[in-house]
Amino acid sequence: QVQVVESGGGLVQPGGSLRLSCAASGSIFSINAMGWYRQAPGKQRELVARILSGGSTNYADSVKGRFTISRDNAKNTVYLQMNSLKPEDTAVYYCNVGTFYYPSGYWGRGTQVTVSS
């Protein structure tokens, strides 16, 4: 059984920062892609950032230059450092952990990020 648990969400003012963490545990092997997605009310879930096992990354255009994704392979953990947050970043942020055997990945339950004054 695989567990994916996100943490670090909360309420922050515009221009502020948050750091999200996501840890995968259980019977999970050969992790490849680890990614963050978000879903705002009334909108579809979208990719925010993704990092592959070799370290290559890709970001949504809307977060480039503000968000940074990183991972600790020894801890099966991925992070999302979010700076210069905007109200439009408000959403539930989900973590997805994919393996070479299960590319579609395992999802966490999400963590709420609210950017508001």
N, C-alpha and C. Protein backbone atom coordinates (compact mmCIF):
# COMPACT_ATOMS: atom_id res chain seq x y z
N GLN A 1 0.84 -1.18 0.00
CA GLN A 1 0.00 0.00 0.00
C GLN A 1 0.89 1.25 0.00
N VAL A 2 0.50 2.22 -0.77
CA VAL A 2 1.28 3.45 -0.92
C VAL A 2 0.52 4.62 -0.31
N GLN A 3 1.22 5.44 0.43
CA GLN A 3 0.64 6.66 0.98
C GLN A 3 1.41 7.86 0.45
N VAL A 4 0.67 8.88 0.07
CA VAL A 4 1.25 10.14 -0.37
C VAL A 4 0.58 11.24 0.46
N VAL A 5 1.38 11.96 1.21
CA VAL A 5 0.83 12.92 2.16
C VAL A 5 1.47 14.29 1.94
N GLU A 6 0.61 15.28 1.69
CA GLU A 6 1.07 16.65 1.51
C GLU A 6 0.97 17.42 2.84
N SER A 7 1.80 18.45 2.97
CA SER A 7 1.73 19.34 4.13
C SER A 7 2.27 20.70 3.74
N GLY A 8 1.98 21.69 4.58
CA GLY A 8 2.55 23.01 4.38
C GLY A 8 1.63 24.07 3.84
N GLY A 9 0.40 23.71 3.52
CA GLY A 9 -0.53 24.71 3.01
C GLY A 9 -0.99 25.65 4.11
N GLY A 10 -1.74 26.66 3.71
CA GLY A 10 -2.25 27.61 4.69
C GLY A 10 -2.69 28.90 4.04
N LEU A 11 -2.89 29.89 4.89
CA LEU A 11 -3.32 31.23 4.45
C LEU A 11 -2.11 32.16 4.46
N VAL A 12 -1.91 32.87 3.36
CA VAL A 12 -0.78 33.78 3.26
C VAL A 12 -1.22 35.03 2.51
N GLN A 13 -0.59 36.15 2.82
CA GLN A 13 -0.92 37.40 2.13
C GLN A 13 -0.26 37.45 0.76
N PRO A 14 -0.83 38.22 -0.15
CA PRO A 14 -0.17 38.39 -1.46
C PRO A 14 1.26 38.86 -1.29
N GLY A 15 2.15 38.27 -2.09
CA GLY A 15 3.57 38.57 -1.97
C GLY A 15 4.32 37.68 -1.00
N GLY A 16 3.59 36.89 -0.25
CA GLY A 16 4.21 36.02 0.74
C GLY A 16 4.72 34.72 0.14
N SER A 17 5.20 33.85 1.03
CA SER A 17 5.80 32.58 0.63
C SER A 17 5.23 31.42 1.44
N LEU A 18 5.25 30.26 0.83
CA LEU A 18 4.91 29.01 1.50
C LEU A 18 5.78 27.91 0.92
N ARG A 19 6.02 26.89 1.72
CA ARG A 19 6.75 25.73 1.26
C ARG A 19 5.90 24.49 1.49
N LEU A 20 5.57 23.80 0.42
CA LEU A 20 4.81 22.57 0.51
C LEU A 20 5.76 21.38 0.50
N SER A 21 5.37 20.35 1.24
CA SER A 21 6.12 19.11 1.26
C SER A 21 5.19 17.95 0.93
N CYS A 22 5.76 16.91 0.33
CA CYS A 22 4.98 15.72 0.00
C CYS A 22 5.88 14.51 0.20
N ALA A 23 5.43 13.59 1.04
CA ALA A 23 6.20 12.40 1.32
C ALA A 23 5.45 11.16 0.86
N ALA A 24 6.15 10.29 0.16
CA ALA A 24 5.58 9.01 -0.26
C ALA A 24 6.15 7.90 0.61
N SER A 25 5.28 6.98 1.02
CA SER A 25 5.72 5.88 1.86
C SER A 25 4.97 4.61 1.49
N GLY A 26 5.44 3.51 2.05
CA GLY A 26 4.80 2.23 1.78
C GLY A 26 5.52 1.47 0.68
N SER A 27 4.79 0.62 -0.01
CA SER A 27 5.37 -0.24 -1.03
C SER A 27 5.51 0.52 -2.35
N ILE A 28 6.43 1.46 -2.37
CA ILE A 28 6.64 2.24 -3.58
C ILE A 28 8.11 2.16 -3.96
N PHE A 29 8.35 1.79 -5.22
CA PHE A 29 9.70 1.56 -5.68
C PHE A 29 9.94 2.26 -7.02
N SER A 30 11.17 2.56 -7.28
CA SER A 30 11.58 3.14 -8.56
C SER A 30 10.77 4.38 -8.91
N ILE A 31 10.76 5.33 -7.99
CA ILE A 31 10.05 6.59 -8.23
C ILE A 31 10.71 7.34 -9.36
N ASN A 32 9.91 7.84 -10.27
CA ASN A 32 10.43 8.63 -11.39
C ASN A 32 9.95 10.07 -11.23
N ALA A 33 8.80 10.37 -11.78
CA ALA A 33 8.31 11.74 -11.74
C ALA A 33 7.59 12.04 -10.44
N MET A 34 7.88 13.20 -9.88
CA MET A 34 7.16 13.71 -8.71
C MET A 34 6.65 15.09 -9.09
N GLY A 35 5.39 15.33 -8.86
CA GLY A 35 4.83 16.59 -9.35
C GLY A 35 3.80 17.20 -8.41
N TRP A 36 3.61 18.50 -8.62
CA TRP A 36 2.58 19.24 -7.91
C TRP A 36 1.54 19.72 -8.93
N TYR A 37 0.29 19.53 -8.57
CA TYR A 37 -0.83 19.98 -9.37
C TYR A 37 -1.72 20.83 -8.48
N ARG A 38 -2.57 21.61 -9.08
CA ARG A 38 -3.51 22.40 -8.27
C ARG A 38 -4.86 22.48 -8.96
N GLN A 39 -5.86 22.67 -8.13
CA GLN A 39 -7.22 22.80 -8.65
C GLN A 39 -7.93 23.90 -7.89
N ALA A 40 -8.30 24.94 -8.61
CA ALA A 40 -9.06 26.05 -8.04
C ALA A 40 -10.55 25.76 -8.22
N PRO A 41 -11.39 26.37 -7.39
CA PRO A 41 -12.83 26.14 -7.51
C PRO A 41 -13.34 26.43 -8.92
N GLY A 42 -14.08 25.47 -9.47
CA GLY A 42 -14.66 25.64 -10.80
C GLY A 42 -13.70 25.45 -11.95
N LYS A 43 -12.48 25.05 -11.64
CA LYS A 43 -11.48 24.86 -12.70
C LYS A 43 -10.94 23.44 -12.70
N GLN A 44 -10.32 23.07 -13.80
CA GLN A 44 -9.72 21.75 -13.90
C GLN A 44 -8.38 21.71 -13.17
N ARG A 45 -8.01 20.52 -12.77
CA ARG A 45 -6.70 20.34 -12.15
C ARG A 45 -5.62 20.60 -13.19
N GLU A 46 -4.58 21.32 -12.79
CA GLU A 46 -3.52 21.67 -13.73
C GLU A 46 -2.15 21.37 -13.12
N LEU A 47 -1.20 21.10 -14.00
CA LEU A 47 0.17 20.88 -13.55
C LEU A 47 0.78 22.20 -13.12
N VAL A 48 1.44 22.17 -11.96
CA VAL A 48 2.18 23.34 -11.48
C VAL A 48 3.66 23.16 -11.76
N ALA A 49 4.20 22.03 -11.32
CA ALA A 49 5.62 21.76 -11.52
C ALA A 49 5.86 20.27 -11.39
N ARG A 50 6.91 19.81 -12.07
CA ARG A 50 7.23 18.39 -12.04
C ARG A 50 8.73 18.23 -12.08
N ILE A 51 9.22 17.20 -11.40
CA ILE A 51 10.65 16.93 -11.40
C ILE A 51 10.86 15.43 -11.61
N LEU A 52 11.76 15.09 -12.52
CA LEU A 52 12.05 13.69 -12.82
C LEU A 52 13.20 13.19 -11.95
N SER A 53 13.40 11.89 -11.98
CA SER A 53 14.42 11.29 -11.12
C SER A 53 15.82 11.83 -11.42
N GLY A 54 16.06 12.22 -12.66
CA GLY A 54 17.36 12.76 -13.02
C GLY A 54 17.55 14.22 -12.66
N GLY A 55 16.46 14.86 -12.20
CA GLY A 55 16.54 16.24 -11.77
C GLY A 55 15.96 17.27 -12.72
N SER A 56 15.60 16.86 -13.92
CA SER A 56 15.01 17.82 -14.85
C SER A 56 13.64 18.25 -14.37
N THR A 57 13.31 19.50 -14.64
CA THR A 57 12.07 20.08 -14.13
C THR A 57 11.29 20.76 -15.24
N ASN A 58 9.99 20.90 -15.03
CA ASN A 58 9.19 21.75 -15.89
C ASN A 58 8.12 22.42 -15.03
N TYR A 59 7.76 23.63 -15.45
CA TYR A 59 6.84 24.47 -14.68
C TYR A 59 5.73 25.01 -15.58
N ALA A 60 4.60 25.26 -14.97
CA ALA A 60 3.56 26.01 -15.66
C ALA A 60 4.06 27.43 -15.89
N ASP A 61 3.68 28.02 -17.00
CA ASP A 61 4.14 29.38 -17.30
C ASP A 61 3.75 30.36 -16.21
N SER A 62 2.61 30.12 -15.59
CA SER A 62 2.10 31.07 -14.59
C SER A 62 2.93 31.11 -13.31
N VAL A 63 3.78 30.11 -13.09
CA VAL A 63 4.56 30.07 -11.85
C VAL A 63 6.06 30.17 -12.09
N LYS A 64 6.49 30.20 -13.33
CA LYS A 64 7.92 30.29 -13.63
C LYS A 64 8.53 31.53 -12.99
N GLY A 65 9.67 31.33 -12.35
CA GLY A 65 10.35 32.43 -11.70
C GLY A 65 9.87 32.70 -10.28
N ARG A 66 8.77 32.08 -9.90
CA ARG A 66 8.24 32.29 -8.54
C ARG A 66 8.27 31.01 -7.70
N PHE A 67 8.03 29.86 -8.35
CA PHE A 67 7.99 28.58 -7.65
C PHE A 67 9.22 27.76 -8.01
N THR A 68 9.67 26.96 -7.05
CA THR A 68 10.80 26.07 -7.27
C THR A 68 10.47 24.69 -6.71
N ILE A 69 10.62 23.68 -7.55
CA ILE A 69 10.38 22.30 -7.11
C ILE A 69 11.72 21.63 -6.86
N SER A 70 11.77 20.79 -5.82
CA SER A 70 12.99 20.04 -5.51
C SER A 70 12.57 18.73 -4.88
N ARG A 71 13.53 17.81 -4.78
CA ARG A 71 13.22 16.51 -4.21
C ARG A 71 14.38 15.97 -3.43
N ASP A 72 14.05 15.11 -2.47
CA ASP A 72 15.04 14.38 -1.67
C ASP A 72 14.76 12.90 -1.92
N ASN A 73 15.54 12.29 -2.79
CA ASN A 73 15.28 10.90 -3.17
C ASN A 73 15.42 9.94 -1.99
N ALA A 74 16.31 10.24 -1.07
CA ALA A 74 16.51 9.37 0.08
C ALA A 74 15.27 9.33 0.97
N LYS A 75 14.51 10.41 0.94
CA LYS A 75 13.31 10.50 1.79
C LYS A 75 12.02 10.33 1.00
N ASN A 76 12.13 10.07 -0.31
CA ASN A 76 10.93 9.98 -1.16
C ASN A 76 10.03 11.19 -0.97
N THR A 77 10.65 12.35 -0.96
CA THR A 77 9.93 13.59 -0.65
C THR A 77 10.17 14.62 -1.75
N VAL A 78 9.12 15.36 -2.06
CA VAL A 78 9.22 16.45 -3.02
C VAL A 78 8.72 17.72 -2.34
N TYR A 79 9.34 18.84 -2.70
CA TYR A 79 9.01 20.12 -2.11
C TYR A 79 8.59 21.11 -3.20
N LEU A 80 7.80 22.09 -2.78
CA LEU A 80 7.46 23.18 -3.68
C LEU A 80 7.61 24.48 -2.90
N GLN A 81 8.64 25.23 -3.23
CA GLN A 81 8.83 26.55 -2.63
C GLN A 81 8.08 27.57 -3.46
N MET A 82 7.14 28.25 -2.84
CA MET A 82 6.30 29.21 -3.55
C MET A 82 6.56 30.61 -3.01
N ASN A 83 7.07 31.47 -3.85
CA ASN A 83 7.36 32.85 -3.49
C ASN A 83 6.48 33.80 -4.30
N SER A 84 6.41 35.04 -3.84
CA SER A 84 5.63 36.07 -4.54
C SER A 84 4.23 35.58 -4.88
N LEU A 85 3.58 35.00 -3.89
CA LEU A 85 2.27 34.40 -4.13
C LEU A 85 1.23 35.45 -4.50
N LYS A 86 0.32 35.02 -5.37
CA LYS A 86 -0.74 35.89 -5.87
C LYS A 86 -2.10 35.28 -5.51
N PRO A 87 -3.14 36.09 -5.45
CA PRO A 87 -4.47 35.53 -5.17
C PRO A 87 -4.86 34.42 -6.15
N GLU A 88 -4.42 34.51 -7.38
CA GLU A 88 -4.76 33.48 -8.36
C GLU A 88 -4.03 32.16 -8.14
N ASP A 89 -3.12 32.12 -7.18
CA ASP A 89 -2.47 30.86 -6.80
C ASP A 89 -3.33 30.08 -5.80
N THR A 90 -4.40 30.68 -5.35
CA THR A 90 -5.30 30.00 -4.41
C THR A 90 -5.90 28.75 -5.04
N ALA A 91 -5.72 27.62 -4.37
CA ALA A 91 -6.19 26.34 -4.90
C ALA A 91 -5.87 25.25 -3.89
N VAL A 92 -6.40 24.08 -4.15
CA VAL A 92 -5.95 22.88 -3.45
C VAL A 92 -4.77 22.32 -4.25
N TYR A 93 -3.67 22.12 -3.56
CA TYR A 93 -2.46 21.62 -4.21
C TYR A 93 -2.31 20.12 -3.93
N TYR A 94 -2.15 19.37 -5.00
CA TYR A 94 -2.04 17.92 -4.91
C TYR A 94 -0.65 17.46 -5.35
N CYS A 95 -0.19 16.42 -4.71
CA CYS A 95 1.08 15.81 -5.06
C CYS A 95 0.81 14.51 -5.81
N ASN A 96 1.61 14.27 -6.83
CA ASN A 96 1.54 13.02 -7.58
C ASN A 96 2.92 12.40 -7.65
N VAL A 97 2.99 11.13 -7.32
CA VAL A 97 4.27 10.42 -7.32
C VAL A 97 4.15 9.24 -8.28
N GLY A 98 4.92 9.30 -9.36
CA GLY A 98 4.88 8.25 -10.37
C GLY A 98 6.11 7.37 -10.32
N THR A 99 5.93 6.12 -10.64
CA THR A 99 7.06 5.20 -10.71
C THR A 99 7.24 4.70 -12.15
N PHE A 100 8.34 4.01 -12.38
CA PHE A 100 8.57 3.46 -13.71
C PHE A 100 7.55 2.37 -14.03
N TYR A 101 6.98 1.75 -12.98
CA TYR A 101 6.01 0.67 -13.17
C TYR A 101 4.58 1.20 -13.17
N TYR A 102 4.37 2.37 -12.63
CA TYR A 102 3.04 2.98 -12.52
C TYR A 102 3.16 4.45 -12.86
N PRO A 103 3.34 4.77 -14.12
CA PRO A 103 3.61 6.16 -14.52
C PRO A 103 2.48 7.14 -14.17
N SER A 104 1.25 6.68 -14.14
CA SER A 104 0.16 7.61 -13.83
C SER A 104 0.22 8.10 -12.40
N GLY A 105 0.87 7.36 -11.56
CA GLY A 105 1.21 7.85 -10.23
C GLY A 105 0.14 7.73 -9.18
N TYR A 106 0.60 7.98 -7.95
CA TYR A 106 -0.25 7.95 -6.77
C TYR A 106 -0.51 9.39 -6.32
N TRP A 107 -1.76 9.65 -5.92
CA TRP A 107 -2.15 11.00 -5.54
C TRP A 107 -2.30 11.15 -4.04
N GLY A 108 -1.93 12.32 -3.54
CA GLY A 108 -2.26 12.67 -2.18
C GLY A 108 -3.65 13.27 -2.11
N ARG A 109 -4.08 13.62 -0.88
CA ARG A 109 -5.42 14.17 -0.71
C ARG A 109 -5.47 15.68 -0.90
N GLY A 110 -4.33 16.29 -0.97
CA GLY A 110 -4.28 17.72 -1.23
C GLY A 110 -4.11 18.57 0.01
N THR A 111 -3.60 19.78 -0.21
CA THR A 111 -3.46 20.76 0.86
C THR A 111 -3.91 22.11 0.33
N GLN A 112 -4.69 22.82 1.14
CA GLN A 112 -5.27 24.09 0.69
C GLN A 112 -4.25 25.21 0.83
N VAL A 113 -4.12 25.99 -0.24
CA VAL A 113 -3.33 27.21 -0.23
C VAL A 113 -4.26 28.37 -0.55
N THR A 114 -4.32 29.33 0.34
CA THR A 114 -5.17 30.50 0.14
C THR A 114 -4.31 31.75 0.23
N VAL A 115 -4.36 32.55 -0.82
CA VAL A 115 -3.60 33.80 -0.87
C VAL A 115 -4.60 34.95 -0.84
N SER A 116 -4.61 35.65 0.28
CA SER A 116 -5.60 36.69 0.47
C SER A 116 -5.12 37.69 1.51
N SER A 117 -5.53 38.94 1.34
CA SER A 117 -5.22 39.95 2.34
C SER A 117 -6.35 40.08 3.34
